[in-house]
Amino acid sequence: MQLSILLSNIGLIIVPRRKGSGQLMVPTNQRLLPLYISSILKSKAFRLQNVSVDDRYFSMLQFKTLPIEDIMLMIYPRLFPLHNLAETWTDKNSVPPRLSLTAEKLTRQGAFLLQTHEHFIIWIGRHVSEIFVNSVYNTRTYNDLPELRSGWISHGNAISDLIHDLIALLSKIRDAPITIISVREDSRFGALFLQHLVEDRADGRYHIMSFYKKIQQQSWITNL
């Protein structure tokens, strides 16, 4: 029912324009709307499975009361690669390029930072380099890391300082306290990170590309 109602509204809001090829065209300022709607449907407020009544109610209250900046991070968090941050973050006065929220962007040779409305979560791939592990966590190998780690200590080296600077910049923009959690790829607590990959299929909801196709169909029917 929720999906049918939302798709009907999207069909009315997004007015398709068709080229001679029959391709659906969407106004630039509306192109992210389906992505955000899909993400909202996967939030605890609207999720159909694996959520308690208390969590659902709390999530709904957050949608009603949080500042818009926090709501946007709640709907669609920011994801950044850390293992090659020196290459991708060329302008230290601006936020580096973000990744799409899908497991396809993760690599076992890498580490990734996720900024939500509540935490910073670092996901550590099982084959990340020992140089990274030693520089960031002062630990010899990946296997020496705990499954879940809270807090952050900068160890005064180039990699650690760069990550510290990124977290400081993101926190300054949002003006919120810093809570940092690190989780290994094979950790029992991996869902803390993976639940935010909202472009993937989850709890019976559409993968984002399937959702786009559904909207295309609905928009076409609405505008016949």
Protein backbone atom coordinates (compact mmCIF):
# COMPACT_ATOMS: atom_id res chain seq x y z
CA MET A 1 0.00 0.00 0.00
CA GLN A 2 2.76 2.45 0.97
CA LEU A 3 4.66 1.71 -2.24
CA SER A 4 1.54 2.14 -4.41
CA ILE A 5 0.74 5.52 -2.85
CA LEU A 6 4.32 6.77 -3.19
CA LEU A 7 4.60 5.61 -6.78
CA SER A 8 1.32 7.36 -7.62
CA ASN A 9 2.61 10.63 -6.17
CA ILE A 10 5.94 10.28 -7.97
CA GLY A 11 4.08 9.69 -11.21
CA LEU A 12 2.28 12.98 -10.72
CA ILE A 13 5.37 14.94 -9.64
CA ILE A 14 7.81 13.66 -12.25
CA VAL A 15 6.35 14.66 -15.60
CA PRO A 16 8.05 12.58 -18.28
CA ARG A 17 9.18 14.07 -21.54
CA ARG A 18 10.02 11.69 -24.33
CA LYS A 19 12.57 11.96 -27.10
CA GLY A 20 12.06 10.39 -30.48
CA SER A 21 13.79 7.28 -29.11
CA GLY A 22 11.10 6.90 -26.45
CA GLN A 23 13.56 7.51 -23.60
CA LEU A 24 12.03 8.89 -20.39
CA MET A 25 13.40 12.31 -19.51
CA VAL A 26 13.20 13.73 -15.96
CA PRO A 27 13.84 17.38 -14.95
CA THR A 28 17.28 17.80 -13.40
CA ASN A 29 15.96 18.99 -10.03
CA GLN A 30 13.85 15.83 -9.67
CA ARG A 31 16.33 13.13 -10.63
CA LEU A 32 17.31 12.26 -7.04
CA LEU A 33 13.72 12.09 -5.81
CA PRO A 34 13.25 8.36 -6.61
CA LEU A 35 16.52 7.55 -4.85
CA TYR A 36 15.44 9.39 -1.70
CA ILE A 37 11.95 7.85 -1.78
CA SER A 38 13.49 4.39 -2.09
CA SER A 39 15.76 5.15 0.87
CA ILE A 40 12.86 6.40 2.99
CA LEU A 41 10.98 3.16 2.33
CA LYS A 42 13.97 1.23 3.71
CA SER A 43 14.20 3.33 6.87
CA LYS A 44 12.98 1.97 10.20
CA ALA A 45 9.95 4.26 9.97
CA PHE A 46 8.60 2.45 6.88
CA ARG A 47 10.45 -0.87 6.81
CA LEU A 48 8.08 -3.85 6.82
CA GLN A 49 10.44 -6.37 8.44
CA ASN A 50 13.05 -6.63 11.19
CA VAL A 51 12.02 -3.53 13.15
CA SER A 52 10.34 -3.19 16.53
CA VAL A 53 7.38 -0.92 17.24
CA ASP A 54 9.56 1.26 19.48
CA ASP A 55 12.25 1.65 16.80
CA ARG A 56 9.63 2.48 14.17
CA TYR A 57 8.03 5.12 16.39
CA PHE A 58 11.41 6.65 17.28
CA SER A 59 12.37 6.82 13.60
CA MET A 60 9.10 8.57 12.76
CA LEU A 61 9.75 11.10 15.51
CA GLN A 62 13.20 11.75 14.06
CA PHE A 63 11.67 12.50 10.65
CA LYS A 64 9.37 15.02 12.32
CA THR A 65 11.86 16.75 14.62
CA LEU A 66 15.44 16.54 13.27
CA PRO A 67 16.99 19.41 11.27
CA ILE A 68 16.85 18.88 7.51
CA GLU A 69 20.62 18.26 7.34
CA ASP A 70 20.30 15.35 9.76
CA ILE A 71 17.25 13.99 7.96
CA MET A 72 19.18 13.94 4.68
CA LEU A 73 21.99 11.95 6.36
CA MET A 74 19.35 9.68 7.87
CA ILE A 75 17.84 9.05 4.42
CA TYR A 76 21.05 8.91 2.40
CA PRO A 77 24.34 8.84 4.38
CA ARG A 78 27.69 9.83 2.90
CA LEU A 79 30.17 7.13 1.88
CA PHE A 80 33.87 7.79 1.23
CA PRO A 81 36.83 5.50 0.42
CA LEU A 82 39.66 5.82 2.94
CA HIS A 83 42.31 3.51 1.50
CA ASN A 84 42.97 5.89 -1.42
CA LEU A 85 41.91 9.14 0.22
CA ALA A 86 45.19 10.87 -0.64
CA GLU A 87 44.37 10.36 -4.34
CA THR A 88 40.66 11.26 -4.29
CA TRP A 89 40.72 14.18 -1.84
CA THR A 90 42.62 16.86 -3.72
CA ASP A 91 40.91 19.97 -2.31
CA LYS A 92 41.11 19.89 1.49
CA ASN A 93 38.61 22.76 1.79
CA SER A 94 35.78 20.76 0.22
CA VAL A 95 34.23 17.35 0.75
CA PRO A 96 35.83 14.59 -1.39
CA PRO A 97 33.79 12.64 -3.96
CA ARG A 98 31.14 10.37 -2.47
CA LEU A 99 30.33 6.80 -3.42
CA SER A 100 26.91 5.35 -4.14
CA LEU A 101 25.42 3.42 -1.24
CA THR A 102 25.76 -0.06 -2.66
CA ALA A 103 27.93 -3.05 -1.77
CA GLU A 104 29.22 -2.96 -5.35
CA LYS A 105 31.39 0.01 -4.32
CA LEU A 106 33.06 -1.90 -1.48
CA THR A 107 36.28 -3.82 -1.92
CA ARG A 108 37.99 -6.21 0.46
CA GLN A 109 41.26 -4.41 -0.24
CA GLY A 110 39.82 -1.13 1.04
CA ALA A 111 38.38 0.75 3.99
CA PHE A 112 35.38 3.07 3.85
CA LEU A 113 33.92 5.85 5.98
CA LEU A 114 30.15 6.20 6.34
CA GLN A 115 28.66 9.38 7.82
CA THR A 116 25.14 8.91 9.18
CA HIS A 117 23.02 11.30 11.23
CA GLU A 118 24.24 9.51 14.39
CA HIS A 119 27.73 8.08 13.79
CA PHE A 120 30.81 7.82 11.66
CA ILE A 121 31.28 4.14 10.80
CA ILE A 122 34.51 2.79 9.30
CA TRP A 123 34.19 -0.53 7.45
CA ILE A 124 37.48 -2.40 7.10
CA GLY A 125 37.91 -4.93 4.31
CA ARG A 126 39.63 -8.19 5.27
CA HIS A 127 42.42 -7.71 2.70
CA VAL A 128 43.17 -4.06 3.44
CA SER A 129 46.88 -3.32 3.50
CA GLU A 130 48.87 -3.81 6.70
CA ILE A 131 50.25 -0.30 6.20
CA PHE A 132 46.72 1.10 6.52
CA VAL A 133 45.91 -1.02 9.58
CA ASN A 134 49.15 -0.09 11.30
CA SER A 135 48.86 3.63 10.43
CA VAL A 136 45.22 4.04 11.48
CA TYR A 137 44.88 1.54 14.35
CA ASN A 138 48.50 0.98 15.45
CA THR A 139 47.90 -2.75 14.94
CA ARG A 140 50.02 -5.18 12.90
CA THR A 141 47.37 -7.01 10.85
CA TYR A 142 43.65 -7.09 10.09
CA ASN A 143 43.22 -10.19 12.27
CA ASP A 144 44.52 -8.27 15.28
CA LEU A 145 41.66 -5.78 15.05
CA PRO A 146 38.61 -6.24 17.30
CA GLU A 147 35.31 -6.96 15.55
CA LEU A 148 33.93 -3.66 16.80
CA ARG A 149 35.85 -0.67 18.03
CA SER A 150 34.58 2.64 19.37
CA GLY A 151 36.53 5.88 19.45
CA TRP A 152 39.37 7.31 17.42
CA ILE A 153 43.02 8.08 18.13
CA SER A 154 45.17 9.90 15.59
CA HIS A 155 48.64 8.36 15.47
CA GLY A 156 50.46 11.27 13.88
CA ASN A 157 51.20 9.79 10.46
CA ALA A 158 50.08 10.83 6.98
CA ILE A 159 47.21 8.33 6.60
CA SER A 160 45.86 8.80 10.12
CA ASP A 161 46.08 12.59 9.94
CA LEU A 162 44.28 12.66 6.58
CA ILE A 163 41.36 10.62 7.91
CA HIS A 164 41.27 12.79 11.02
CA ASP A 165 41.10 15.92 8.85
CA LEU A 166 38.23 14.48 6.79
CA ILE A 167 36.18 13.57 9.86
CA ALA A 168 36.88 17.00 11.35
CA LEU A 169 35.70 18.71 8.14
CA LEU A 170 32.50 16.65 7.95
CA SER A 171 31.80 17.28 11.63
CA LYS A 172 32.41 21.02 11.23
CA ILE A 173 29.97 21.22 8.33
CA ARG A 174 27.29 19.47 10.35
CA ASP A 175 28.29 21.02 13.70
CA ALA A 176 27.61 17.82 15.64
CA PRO A 177 29.48 15.64 18.17
CA ILE A 178 31.82 13.00 16.78
CA THR A 179 31.04 9.33 17.44
CA ILE A 180 33.29 6.95 15.51
CA ILE A 181 32.81 3.19 15.20
CA SER A 182 35.09 0.80 13.31
CA VAL A 183 33.83 -2.59 12.19
CA ARG A 184 35.61 -5.44 10.43
CA GLU A 185 34.19 -6.98 7.25
CA ASP A 186 33.68 -10.36 8.98
CA SER A 187 32.32 -8.87 12.19
CA ARG A 188 29.04 -9.97 13.78
CA PHE A 189 28.26 -6.26 13.92
CA GLY A 190 28.58 -5.71 10.18
CA ALA A 191 24.89 -4.80 9.90
CA LEU A 192 25.66 -1.51 11.65
CA PHE A 193 27.33 -0.49 8.40
CA LEU A 194 25.60 -2.61 5.75
CA GLN A 195 22.07 -1.52 6.72
CA HIS A 196 22.87 1.92 5.31
CA LEU A 197 23.61 0.64 1.78
CA VAL A 198 20.14 1.72 0.70
CA GLU A 199 20.65 1.23 -3.04
CA ASP A 200 20.75 -2.54 -2.55
CA ARG A 201 17.72 -4.76 -2.16
CA ALA A 202 16.76 -5.20 1.50
CA ASP A 203 13.80 -6.51 3.52
CA GLY A 204 11.78 -7.21 0.40
CA ARG A 205 12.27 -3.68 -0.97
CA TYR A 206 13.45 -2.94 -4.49
CA HIS A 207 17.05 -2.61 -5.60
CA ILE A 208 17.39 1.01 -6.72
CA MET A 209 17.48 0.15 -10.45
CA SER A 210 14.30 -1.93 -10.11
CA PHE A 211 12.73 0.99 -8.28
CA TYR A 212 13.62 3.34 -11.14
CA LYS A 213 12.03 0.97 -13.64
CA LYS A 214 8.88 0.80 -11.52
CA ILE A 215 8.70 4.60 -11.46
CA GLN A 216 9.19 4.74 -15.24
CA GLN A 217 6.24 2.42 -15.70
CA GLN A 218 4.11 4.38 -13.23
CA SER A 219 5.03 7.74 -14.76
CA TRP A 220 4.14 6.46 -18.23
CA ILE A 221 0.74 5.17 -17.06
CA THR A 222 -0.01 8.37 -15.11
CA ASN A 223 0.70 10.58 -18.09
CA LEU A 224 -1.17 8.61 -20.75
